[in-house]
Amino acid sequence: MGKTLYMIIFALFATAVITSIHYYLWLRLVHDTGLSTPWRTIATWSIVVLCASIPLAMILGRGIPFGASRALVWAPYVWIGMMMLLFFTLLTVDAVKLMALVVKKVTVGGSLIADPERRRVMNRIVAGAATVAVTGLSGIAVVKAAKKAVIKKLEINLSRLPRKLDGMKIVQLSDLHIGLTNGGRWLEDIVRRVNALEPDVIVVTGDIIDGQVELLVKEIAPLRDLEAPHGVYFVTGNHEYYFGVSEWLPAVTRLGIRVLRNERVKIGEGDDFFYLAGVDDYNSRGMEPGHGQDLGKALDGREPDVEVVLLAHQPRAIYQAAKMDVGLVLCGHTHGGQIWPFTYLVGLQQPYNKGLYRHGERTWIYVNQGTGLWGPPMRLGTEGEITEISLRAG
């Protein structure tokens, strides 16, 4: 599927979903609560304006300088998070109510339709409680998102890692999403903190940006200051393809970052080395000519006794990686769900959500929760992270 067609389909689908969710919120918060005039009118138009603010913010955010657009879209983007929390809260209540009514019908008998006045009172209580609870959770989520990314430190044993490379330190960044949410000043601090860890290798597992090259090339300039004796490496994420991957890859390369596109490099010296491999994003095939995940190409001719660390944006790469005896896969993409309860929805698409897992007999996978944010400037049950991985031989 071509990139333009993909974006059109995505925009139409997203608009339909957003409109449907707001209609559901109107039913539960306005219609079912029996609000009287003028409150009914005020609430209705508030929901209409909030619904319209989301696509409007996305359009304006892409058309004006990011310095101004970040302030402009902040409130609509927070509303996206609140909207989803409110939607799932009310949907859960509806599911529980329906189950209770069905059980009552089966065990006691009688009508499933409650007294209209009693139902209206209960609807008002539920709507009020849900609104208050979601507002409080949203405030907590905004505060958590504003905190600095934590540094996650872990050790991973790789059976084929040479003894001389024991303790080799890889620092992983993922999902920076420089654009509407985070900018150059935020990235400067990330770079400073990464360099302070004194890594041997730095890897960035996709989604550096959320915008066009001409708007963001100065914003990502701090990446030029990343320092590691064995190099800085990058693999594409899905967002690079949304905003012109053919323009972004040269821009990233000019920052001194090596882009790994279905290929590998040696990390180490002489006979003491491992392969660092990287593949295109899982969904890239058809979005740009010549692109597409191809681990077979990346590992073609690899000596079977040499360890491999694979960079892949999406955790779905683990299936092929395990079959090809890769020792460690470093991924991102999921953001850990970013805002609970979306954590549980990640499993519908990805095999792993966040953290370290053993897949099969020998393959490890680590999923970074995202150094930055995408969409709502909110985190609930997750945290931005910089990952420091010490490789151990044995």
Protein backbone atom coordinates (compact mmCIF):
# COMPACT_ATOMS: atom_id res chain seq x y z
CA MET A 1 0.00 0.00 0.00
CA GLY A 2 1.42 3.41 -0.98
CA LYS A 3 2.24 5.96 1.70
CA THR A 4 -0.34 8.51 0.47
CA LEU A 5 -3.14 5.97 0.33
CA TYR A 6 -2.14 4.63 3.75
CA MET A 7 -2.29 8.13 5.26
CA ILE A 8 -5.68 8.87 3.67
CA ILE A 9 -7.16 5.62 4.96
CA PHE A 10 -5.67 6.25 8.40
CA ALA A 11 -7.05 9.82 8.50
CA LEU A 12 -10.55 8.68 7.51
CA PHE A 13 -10.50 5.82 10.01
CA ALA A 14 -9.19 8.06 12.82
CA THR A 15 -11.86 10.69 12.10
CA ALA A 16 -14.62 8.08 12.18
CA VAL A 17 -13.33 6.64 15.47
CA ILE A 18 -12.96 10.06 17.13
CA THR A 19 -16.45 11.13 16.03
CA SER A 20 -18.00 7.87 17.23
CA ILE A 21 -16.33 8.12 20.64
CA HIS A 22 -17.56 11.68 21.13
CA TYR A 23 -21.08 10.65 20.16
CA TYR A 24 -20.92 7.89 22.77
CA LEU A 25 -19.70 10.40 25.37
CA TRP A 26 -22.57 12.72 24.46
CA LEU A 27 -25.06 9.87 24.92
CA ARG A 28 -23.73 8.95 28.36
CA LEU A 29 -22.91 12.41 29.73
CA VAL A 30 -25.67 14.52 28.19
CA HIS A 31 -28.54 12.51 26.73
CA ASP A 32 -28.81 9.79 29.38
CA THR A 33 -28.40 12.20 32.30
CA GLY A 34 -31.41 14.24 31.21
CA LEU A 35 -29.68 17.60 31.54
CA SER A 36 -32.00 20.55 31.28
CA THR A 37 -31.54 23.72 29.25
CA PRO A 38 -29.18 25.59 29.18
CA TRP A 39 -26.81 22.92 30.56
CA ARG A 40 -27.73 20.46 27.85
CA THR A 41 -26.87 22.98 25.14
CA ILE A 42 -23.62 23.99 26.81
CA ALA A 43 -22.52 20.37 27.32
CA THR A 44 -23.47 19.39 23.77
CA TRP A 45 -21.51 22.22 22.16
CA SER A 46 -18.57 21.58 24.48
CA ILE A 47 -18.35 18.01 23.21
CA VAL A 48 -18.67 19.20 19.60
CA VAL A 49 -15.85 21.71 20.08
CA LEU A 50 -13.64 19.14 21.81
CA CYS A 51 -14.26 16.68 18.98
CA ALA A 52 -13.36 19.27 16.34
CA SER A 53 -10.27 20.41 18.27
CA ILE A 54 -8.46 17.10 17.70
CA PRO A 55 -8.22 17.08 13.87
CA LEU A 56 -7.84 20.87 13.90
CA ALA A 57 -4.86 20.64 16.26
CA MET A 58 -3.27 17.96 14.09
CA ILE A 59 -3.67 20.08 10.95
CA LEU A 60 -2.47 23.34 12.50
CA GLY A 61 0.36 21.56 14.28
CA ARG A 62 1.79 20.51 10.93
CA GLY A 63 1.35 23.89 9.28
CA ILE A 64 3.04 26.36 11.63
CA PRO A 65 6.44 26.45 13.39
CA PHE A 66 6.73 23.85 16.14
CA GLY A 67 7.64 26.43 18.77
CA ALA A 68 4.19 27.97 18.48
CA SER A 69 2.26 24.82 17.67
CA ARG A 70 3.38 22.97 20.83
CA ALA A 71 1.55 25.47 23.02
CA LEU A 72 -1.41 25.55 20.65
CA VAL A 73 -2.04 21.80 20.56
CA TRP A 74 -1.25 21.01 24.19
CA ALA A 75 -4.86 21.22 25.44
CA PRO A 76 -6.41 19.25 22.53
CA TYR A 77 -3.75 16.55 22.93
CA VAL A 78 -4.45 16.27 26.66
CA TRP A 79 -8.13 15.96 25.77
CA ILE A 80 -7.28 12.96 23.54
CA GLY A 81 -5.95 11.16 26.59
CA MET A 82 -8.88 12.22 28.77
CA MET A 83 -11.34 11.25 26.05
CA MET A 84 -9.96 7.71 25.84
CA LEU A 85 -9.89 7.29 29.62
CA LEU A 86 -13.46 8.55 29.90
CA PHE A 87 -14.58 6.33 27.03
CA PHE A 88 -13.13 3.16 28.57
CA THR A 89 -14.41 4.06 32.04
CA LEU A 90 -17.98 4.54 30.85
CA LEU A 91 -17.78 1.51 28.55
CA THR A 92 -16.66 -0.63 31.49
CA VAL A 93 -19.54 0.65 33.62
CA ASP A 94 -21.98 -0.13 30.78
CA ALA A 95 -20.61 -3.66 30.47
CA VAL A 96 -20.94 -4.26 34.22
CA LYS A 97 -24.50 -2.87 34.23
CA LEU A 98 -25.48 -5.06 31.30
CA MET A 99 -24.07 -8.17 32.97
CA ALA A 100 -25.88 -7.33 36.22
CA LEU A 101 -29.19 -6.87 34.40
CA VAL A 102 -28.80 -10.14 32.53
CA VAL A 103 -27.99 -12.02 35.74
CA LYS A 104 -31.02 -10.45 37.39
CA LYS A 105 -33.20 -11.46 34.46
CA VAL A 106 -31.96 -15.05 34.58
CA THR A 107 -32.09 -15.51 38.35
CA VAL A 108 -35.05 -13.35 39.38
CA GLY A 109 -37.00 -12.74 36.19
CA GLY A 110 -38.91 -9.66 35.25
CA SER A 111 -38.05 -6.79 32.95
CA LEU A 112 -34.53 -5.65 32.09
CA ILE A 113 -35.78 -2.06 31.89
CA ALA A 114 -35.26 -0.17 35.17
CA ASP A 115 -37.49 2.63 36.41
CA PRO A 116 -36.79 5.69 34.11
CA GLU A 117 -36.32 8.17 36.96
CA ARG A 118 -34.08 5.81 38.91
CA ARG A 119 -32.06 5.10 35.78
CA ARG A 120 -31.61 8.85 35.17
CA VAL A 121 -30.35 9.41 38.71
CA MET A 122 -27.89 6.52 38.42
CA ASN A 123 -26.70 7.82 35.06
CA ARG A 124 -25.99 11.21 36.60
CA ILE A 125 -24.06 9.65 39.48
CA VAL A 126 -21.99 7.51 37.10
CA ALA A 127 -21.32 10.42 34.72
CA GLY A 128 -20.25 12.71 37.55
CA ALA A 129 -18.06 10.12 39.24
CA ALA A 130 -16.42 9.11 35.95
CA THR A 131 -15.71 12.72 35.02
CA VAL A 132 -14.15 13.50 38.40
CA ALA A 133 -12.08 10.30 38.43
CA VAL A 134 -10.80 10.75 34.87
CA THR A 135 -9.93 14.40 35.51
CA GLY A 136 -7.87 13.38 38.54
CA LEU A 137 -6.11 10.54 36.69
CA SER A 138 -5.41 12.85 33.76
CA GLY A 139 -3.77 15.37 36.05
CA ILE A 140 -1.54 12.64 37.47
CA ALA A 141 -0.73 11.42 33.95
CA VAL A 142 0.28 14.91 32.77
CA VAL A 143 2.59 15.33 35.77
CA LYS A 144 4.19 11.91 35.18
CA ALA A 145 4.76 12.69 31.51
CA ALA A 146 6.53 15.92 32.39
CA LYS A 147 9.12 14.07 34.48
CA LYS A 148 12.53 13.23 33.07
CA ALA A 149 13.00 9.84 31.46
CA VAL A 150 14.31 7.31 33.96
CA ILE A 151 17.51 5.36 33.34
CA LYS A 152 16.79 1.62 33.30
CA LYS A 153 19.89 -0.48 33.95
CA LEU A 154 20.06 -4.20 33.27
CA GLU A 155 22.49 -6.98 32.46
CA ILE A 156 21.87 -9.60 29.78
CA ASN A 157 23.89 -12.78 29.41
CA LEU A 158 24.71 -13.78 25.83
CA SER A 159 26.20 -17.25 25.44
CA ARG A 160 28.23 -16.38 22.34
CA LEU A 161 29.58 -13.04 23.46
CA PRO A 162 33.43 -13.06 23.57
CA ARG A 163 34.89 -12.83 27.08
CA LYS A 164 36.85 -9.72 26.12
CA LEU A 165 33.55 -7.94 25.43
CA ASP A 166 32.06 -8.83 28.82
CA GLY A 167 30.58 -5.62 30.24
CA MET A 168 30.09 -3.98 26.84
CA LYS A 169 27.57 -1.20 27.45
CA ILE A 170 24.79 -0.40 25.00
CA VAL A 171 22.55 2.60 25.65
CA GLN A 172 19.20 2.49 23.89
CA LEU A 173 16.94 5.38 22.98
CA SER A 174 13.62 4.82 21.26
CA ASP A 175 10.56 6.74 20.12
CA LEU A 176 11.90 10.25 20.69
CA HIS A 177 9.06 11.66 18.57
CA ILE A 178 10.64 15.07 18.14
CA GLY A 179 7.86 17.35 16.93
CA LEU A 180 4.68 18.48 18.60
CA THR A 181 5.41 16.85 21.95
CA ASN A 182 9.17 17.24 22.46
CA GLY A 183 11.71 19.61 20.92
CA GLY A 184 15.37 20.42 20.68
CA ARG A 185 15.84 21.63 24.27
CA TRP A 186 14.36 18.43 25.64
CA LEU A 187 16.61 16.42 23.31
CA GLU A 188 19.71 18.31 24.48
CA ASP A 189 19.11 17.05 28.01
CA ILE A 190 18.58 13.48 26.76
CA VAL A 191 21.89 13.59 24.86
CA ARG A 192 23.72 14.97 27.89
CA ARG A 193 22.39 12.21 30.13
CA VAL A 194 23.23 9.48 27.61
CA ASN A 195 26.82 10.69 27.22
CA ALA A 196 27.20 10.78 31.00
CA LEU A 197 26.60 7.00 31.03
CA GLU A 198 29.77 6.56 28.93
CA PRO A 199 28.29 3.94 26.59
CA ASP A 200 30.32 1.78 24.23
CA VAL A 201 27.49 1.78 21.69
CA ILE A 202 24.39 3.96 21.32
CA VAL A 203 21.33 2.70 19.46
CA VAL A 204 18.10 4.46 18.51
CA THR A 205 15.31 2.01 17.68
CA GLY A 206 13.05 4.12 15.48
CA ASP A 207 10.60 7.01 15.52
CA ILE A 208 13.01 9.87 16.02
CA ILE A 209 10.59 12.38 14.53
CA ASP A 210 6.99 13.43 13.99
CA GLY A 211 7.17 15.95 11.17
CA GLN A 212 8.81 17.01 7.92
CA VAL A 213 12.57 17.47 7.52
CA GLU A 214 12.36 21.19 6.81
CA LEU A 215 10.49 21.78 10.07
CA LEU A 216 12.52 19.54 12.37
CA VAL A 217 16.07 19.26 11.07
CA LYS A 218 17.30 21.87 13.57
CA GLU A 219 15.31 20.28 16.38
CA ILE A 220 17.12 16.94 16.04
CA ALA A 221 20.56 18.57 15.73
CA PRO A 222 21.53 17.70 19.36
CA LEU A 223 21.80 14.06 18.27
CA ARG A 224 25.06 15.08 16.60
CA ASP A 225 26.62 15.29 20.07
CA LEU A 226 26.00 11.64 21.00
CA GLU A 227 29.34 10.00 21.81
CA ALA A 228 30.26 6.31 21.82
CA PRO A 229 33.59 4.71 20.82
CA HIS A 230 31.87 1.97 18.78
CA GLY A 231 29.36 4.29 17.14
CA VAL A 232 25.76 5.47 17.13
CA TYR A 233 23.21 3.43 15.15
CA PHE A 234 19.61 3.87 14.05
CA VAL A 235 16.84 1.80 12.48
CA THR A 236 13.64 3.18 11.01
CA GLY A 237 10.33 3.24 12.81
CA ASN A 238 6.90 3.61 11.27
CA HIS A 239 6.86 7.38 11.79
CA GLU A 240 9.89 7.96 9.59
CA TYR A 241 7.79 6.58 6.73
CA TYR A 242 4.89 8.88 7.50
CA PHE A 243 7.04 11.98 7.01
CA GLY A 244 9.34 11.18 4.11
CA VAL A 245 11.89 8.52 4.97
CA SER A 246 13.93 9.26 1.83
CA GLU A 247 14.53 12.79 3.15
CA TRP A 248 14.98 11.79 6.78
CA LEU A 249 17.62 9.10 6.37
CA PRO A 250 20.21 11.46 4.81
CA ALA A 251 19.42 14.02 7.52
CA VAL A 252 20.07 11.43 10.23
CA THR A 253 23.27 10.27 8.52
CA ARG A 254 24.59 13.85 8.45
CA LEU A 255 24.41 13.84 12.25
CA GLY A 256 27.04 11.10 12.36
CA ILE A 257 24.53 8.32 12.99
CA ARG A 258 24.83 5.08 11.03
CA VAL A 259 21.52 3.88 9.62
CA LEU A 260 21.22 0.10 9.52
CA ARG A 261 18.87 -1.00 6.76
CA ASN A 262 18.72 -4.79 6.68
CA GLU A 263 22.46 -4.99 7.33
CA ARG A 264 24.97 -5.60 10.09
CA VAL A 265 28.25 -4.23 11.41
CA LYS A 266 30.99 -5.70 13.59
CA ILE A 267 31.29 -4.37 17.14
CA GLY A 268 34.63 -5.18 18.74
CA GLU A 269 38.21 -5.71 17.62
CA GLY A 270 39.95 -8.53 15.76
CA ASP A 271 38.39 -11.90 16.49
CA ASP A 272 36.54 -10.59 19.53
CA PHE A 273 33.33 -9.10 18.17
CA PHE A 274 29.60 -9.49 17.82
CA TYR A 275 27.29 -8.38 15.05
CA LEU A 276 24.97 -5.44 15.50
CA ALA A 277 22.22 -5.86 12.92
CA GLY A 278 19.34 -3.59 12.02
CA VAL A 279 16.20 -4.00 9.92
CA ASP A 280 13.64 -1.67 8.38
CA ASP A 281 10.37 -1.15 10.24
CA TYR A 282 7.97 -4.10 10.20
CA ASN A 283 5.32 -2.11 8.27
CA SER A 284 7.64 -0.38 5.81
CA ARG A 285 7.20 -2.68 2.84
CA GLY A 286 5.19 -0.87 0.18
CA MET A 287 5.46 2.50 1.92
CA GLU A 288 8.72 3.39 0.19
CA PRO A 289 10.33 1.70 -2.83
CA GLY A 290 13.10 -0.69 -1.82
CA HIS A 291 12.14 -0.73 1.86
CA GLY A 292 10.88 -3.61 3.97
CA GLN A 293 12.05 -5.71 6.90
CA ASP A 294 14.52 -8.37 5.70
CA LEU A 295 16.42 -10.09 8.49
CA GLY A 296 17.62 -12.78 6.10
CA LYS A 297 19.49 -10.14 4.13
CA ALA A 298 20.91 -8.60 7.29
CA LEU A 299 22.31 -11.93 8.48
CA ASP A 300 23.30 -13.41 5.13
CA GLY A 301 26.72 -15.05 5.44
CA ARG A 302 26.88 -14.66 9.22
CA GLU A 303 29.12 -17.12 11.03
CA PRO A 304 26.88 -19.30 13.23
CA ASP A 305 29.13 -19.01 16.29
CA VAL A 306 29.09 -15.18 16.30
CA GLU A 307 26.58 -13.43 18.58
CA VAL A 308 23.98 -11.08 17.10
CA VAL A 309 22.24 -8.10 18.68
CA LEU A 310 19.34 -6.99 16.50
CA LEU A 311 17.75 -3.54 16.32
CA ALA A 312 14.12 -3.62 15.20
CA HIS A 313 11.49 -0.99 15.89
CA GLN A 314 8.57 -3.36 16.55
CA PRO A 315 8.63 -6.36 18.90
CA ARG A 316 6.97 -8.46 16.18
CA ALA A 317 10.47 -8.96 14.77
CA ILE A 318 11.13 -11.44 17.58
CA TYR A 319 9.52 -14.37 15.77
CA GLN A 320 11.94 -14.40 12.86
CA ALA A 321 14.83 -13.35 15.08
CA ALA A 322 14.38 -16.37 17.31
CA LYS A 323 14.20 -18.69 14.31
CA MET A 324 17.49 -17.24 13.06
CA ASP A 325 19.19 -17.70 16.45
CA VAL A 326 19.62 -14.01 17.33
CA GLY A 327 20.86 -13.53 20.88
CA LEU A 328 19.20 -10.21 21.73
CA VAL A 329 16.55 -8.02 20.08
CA LEU A 330 16.17 -4.36 21.09
CA CYS A 331 12.81 -2.79 20.24
CA GLY A 332 10.51 0.12 21.01
CA HIS A 333 7.25 1.19 19.34
CA THR A 334 4.79 0.19 22.08
CA HIS A 335 5.50 3.03 24.57
CA GLY A 336 4.47 0.40 27.10
CA GLY A 337 0.91 1.40 26.27
CA GLN A 338 1.81 4.93 27.52
CA ILE A 339 -1.55 5.48 29.25
CA TRP A 340 -3.15 2.69 31.28
CA PRO A 341 -5.35 0.75 30.44
CA PHE A 342 -4.00 0.86 26.86
CA THR A 343 -1.18 -1.30 28.19
CA TYR A 344 -3.51 -4.25 27.75
CA LEU A 345 -4.34 -3.33 24.16
CA VAL A 346 -0.70 -3.59 23.05
CA GLY A 347 -1.02 -7.36 23.23
CA LEU A 348 -3.55 -7.30 20.40
CA GLN A 349 -0.76 -6.31 18.00
CA GLN A 350 2.59 -6.98 19.66
CA PRO A 351 3.93 -10.08 21.45
CA TYR A 352 5.60 -8.03 24.19
CA ASN A 353 4.77 -4.73 25.83
CA LYS A 354 7.70 -3.42 27.86
CA GLY A 355 10.75 -4.78 29.62
CA LEU A 356 12.91 -7.90 29.24
CA TYR A 357 11.65 -11.30 28.07
CA ARG A 358 13.15 -14.64 27.06
CA HIS A 359 11.70 -15.91 23.79
CA GLY A 360 12.42 -19.51 22.98
CA GLU A 361 15.56 -21.27 24.09
CA ARG A 362 18.18 -18.58 23.53
CA THR A 363 16.75 -15.24 22.36
CA TRP A 364 16.24 -12.26 24.63
CA ILE A 365 14.08 -9.27 23.73
CA TYR A 366 13.99 -5.91 25.45
CA VAL A 367 11.18 -3.45 24.72
CA ASN A 368 11.91 0.18 25.58
CA GLN A 369 8.84 2.13 26.79
CA GLY A 370 9.80 5.12 24.67
CA THR A 371 12.17 7.88 25.64
CA GLY A 372 9.64 10.41 24.41
CA LEU A 373 5.88 10.57 23.93
CA TRP A 374 3.45 10.34 21.07
CA GLY A 375 0.09 12.06 21.06
CA PRO A 376 -1.20 13.04 24.53
CA PRO A 377 1.51 14.49 26.82
CA MET A 378 0.44 11.94 29.43
CA ARG A 379 1.77 8.75 31.03
CA LEU A 380 -0.11 6.48 33.38
CA GLY A 381 1.45 3.23 34.53
CA THR A 382 4.48 3.79 32.29
CA GLU A 383 7.52 6.08 32.22
CA GLY A 384 9.87 7.49 29.64
CA GLU A 385 13.17 5.65 29.64
CA ILE A 386 16.79 5.59 28.61
CA THR A 387 18.01 1.98 28.70
CA GLU A 388 21.53 1.03 29.75
CA ILE A 389 22.26 -2.59 28.85
CA SER A 390 25.46 -4.29 30.01
CA LEU A 391 26.23 -7.40 27.94
CA ARG A 392 27.65 -10.34 29.86
CA ALA A 393 29.49 -13.28 28.39
CA GLY A 394 28.21 -16.68 29.54
